[in-house]
Amino acid sequence: MAKLKLGALLEDKAVKVSLELPASLHRDLVLYAEILGREQGRTISDPVKLIAPMLQRFIATDRAFAAARKSAPD
């Protein structure tokens, strides 16, 4: 089985955000949660909780964003 990009989920202070997902993306999110749960030997009861770590991972690995962030005025 391939190693997923998303690792262990960390608890952090949350900010409430409401959004709508396309049905196909929600199905993929549910499937991702099932596969990740199997890899980690546990059940992920709420796939929506994967959205924040996925966004964090995406932002952390976006080289263009990192470059723009460094050059952005404080």
C-alpha atoms as a PDB file:
ATOM      1  CA  MET A   1       0.000   0.000   0.000  1.00  0.00           C
ATOM      2  CA  ALA A   2       1.217   3.511  -0.808  1.00  0.00           C
ATOM      3  CA  LYS A   3       2.158   5.877   1.995  1.00  0.00           C
ATOM      4  CA  LEU A   4      -0.378   8.704   2.236  1.00  0.00           C
ATOM      5  CA  LYS A   5       0.851  12.296   2.453  1.00  0.00           C
ATOM      6  CA  LEU A   6      -1.250  13.034   5.509  1.00  0.00           C
ATOM      7  CA  GLY A   7       0.254  11.877   8.786  1.00  0.00           C
ATOM      8  CA  ALA A   8      -1.040  11.799  12.340  1.00  0.00           C
ATOM      9  CA  LEU A   9      -3.732  14.303  13.233  1.00  0.00           C
ATOM     10  CA  LEU A  10      -2.758  16.870  15.836  1.00  0.00           C
ATOM     11  CA  GLU A  11      -5.170  18.584  18.183  1.00  0.00           C
ATOM     12  CA  ASP A  12      -5.045  22.370  18.049  1.00  0.00           C
ATOM     13  CA  LYS A  13      -7.299  25.297  18.917  1.00  0.00           C
ATOM     14  CA  ALA A  14      -9.905  25.441  16.179  1.00  0.00           C
ATOM     15  CA  VAL A  15     -11.526  28.248  14.243  1.00  0.00           C
ATOM     16  CA  LYS A  16     -14.992  27.442  12.929  1.00  0.00           C
ATOM     17  CA  VAL A  17     -15.315  27.584   9.136  1.00  0.00           C
ATOM     18  CA  SER A  18     -18.344  26.589   7.105  1.00  0.00           C
ATOM     19  CA  LEU A  19     -17.989  25.468   3.495  1.00  0.00           C
ATOM     20  CA  GLU A  20     -19.677  23.385   0.848  1.00  0.00           C
ATOM     21  CA  LEU A  21     -17.846  20.573  -0.913  1.00  0.00           C
ATOM     22  CA  PRO A  22     -18.705  18.985  -4.224  1.00  0.00           C
ATOM     23  CA  ALA A  23     -20.212  15.533  -3.619  1.00  0.00           C
ATOM     24  CA  SER A  24     -17.350  13.814  -5.454  1.00  0.00           C
ATOM     25  CA  LEU A  25     -14.779  15.537  -3.222  1.00  0.00           C
ATOM     26  CA  HIS A  26     -16.713  14.513  -0.105  1.00  0.00           C
ATOM     27  CA  ARG A  27     -16.750  10.892  -1.296  1.00  0.00           C
ATOM     28  CA  ASP A  28     -12.984  11.050  -1.823  1.00  0.00           C
ATOM     29  CA  LEU A  29     -12.553  12.578   1.634  1.00  0.00           C
ATOM     30  CA  VAL A  30     -14.556   9.755   3.211  1.00  0.00           C
ATOM     31  CA  LEU A  31     -12.511   7.156   1.319  1.00  0.00           C
ATOM     32  CA  TYR A  32      -9.246   8.895   2.278  1.00  0.00           C
ATOM     33  CA  ALA A  33     -10.325   8.776   5.936  1.00  0.00           C
ATOM     34  CA  GLU A  34     -11.041   5.050   5.646  1.00  0.00           C
ATOM     35  CA  ILE A  35      -7.643   4.333   4.063  1.00  0.00           C
ATOM     36  CA  LEU A  36      -5.773   6.567   6.522  1.00  0.00           C
ATOM     37  CA  GLY A  37      -7.589   4.906   9.412  1.00  0.00           C
ATOM     38  CA  ARG A  38      -6.514   1.478   8.174  1.00  0.00           C
ATOM     39  CA  GLU A  39      -2.901   2.672   7.848  1.00  0.00           C
ATOM     40  CA  GLN A  40      -2.944   4.061  11.382  1.00  0.00           C
ATOM     41  CA  GLY A  41      -4.893   1.159  12.867  1.00  0.00           C
ATOM     42  CA  ARG A  42      -7.794   3.279  14.053  1.00  0.00           C
ATOM     43  CA  THR A  43     -11.130   4.646  12.908  1.00  0.00           C
ATOM     44  CA  ILE A  44     -11.453   8.246  11.775  1.00  0.00           C
ATOM     45  CA  SER A  45     -15.040   8.977  12.711  1.00  0.00           C
ATOM     46  CA  ASP A  46     -15.297  12.426  11.098  1.00  0.00           C
ATOM     47  CA  PRO A  47     -13.590  12.764   7.709  1.00  0.00           C
ATOM     48  CA  VAL A  48     -14.177  16.529   7.799  1.00  0.00           C
ATOM     49  CA  LYS A  49     -11.419  16.718  10.422  1.00  0.00           C
ATOM     50  CA  LEU A  50      -8.960  15.803   7.674  1.00  0.00           C
ATOM     51  CA  ILE A  51      -9.558  19.055   5.795  1.00  0.00           C
ATOM     52  CA  ALA A  52      -7.422  21.263   8.059  1.00  0.00           C
ATOM     53  CA  PRO A  53      -4.369  18.944   8.083  1.00  0.00           C
ATOM     54  CA  MET A  54      -4.687  18.524   4.312  1.00  0.00           C
ATOM     55  CA  LEU A  55      -4.713  22.285   3.825  1.00  0.00           C
ATOM     56  CA  GLN A  56      -1.766  22.662   6.192  1.00  0.00           C
ATOM     57  CA  ARG A  57       0.180  20.060   4.246  1.00  0.00           C
ATOM     58  CA  PHE A  58      -0.706  21.700   0.946  1.00  0.00           C
ATOM     59  CA  ILE A  59       0.392  25.151   2.119  1.00  0.00           C
ATOM     60  CA  ALA A  60       3.563  23.801   3.748  1.00  0.00           C
ATOM     61  CA  THR A  61       4.674  22.143   0.502  1.00  0.00           C
ATOM     62  CA  ASP A  62       3.715  24.933  -1.930  1.00  0.00           C
ATOM     63  CA  ARG A  63       7.072  26.397  -2.965  1.00  0.00           C
ATOM     64  CA  ALA A  64       5.570  29.382  -4.754  1.00  0.00           C
ATOM     65  CA  PHE A  65       3.612  30.294  -1.622  1.00  0.00           C
ATOM     66  CA  ALA A  66       6.713  29.945   0.539  1.00  0.00           C
ATOM     67  CA  ALA A  67       8.644  32.284  -1.764  1.00  0.00           C
ATOM     68  CA  ALA A  68       5.801  34.811  -1.876  1.00  0.00           C
ATOM     69  CA  ARG A  69       5.433  34.645   1.909  1.00  0.00           C
ATOM     70  CA  LYS A  70       9.124  35.482   2.373  1.00  0.00           C
ATOM     71  CA  SER A  71       8.895  38.495   0.105  1.00  0.00           C
ATOM     72  CA  ALA A  72       5.572  39.768   1.496  1.00  0.00           C
ATOM     73  CA  PRO A  73       5.788  42.909   3.631  1.00  0.00           C
ATOM     74  CA  ASP A  74       5.112  42.410   7.346  1.00  0.00           C
END
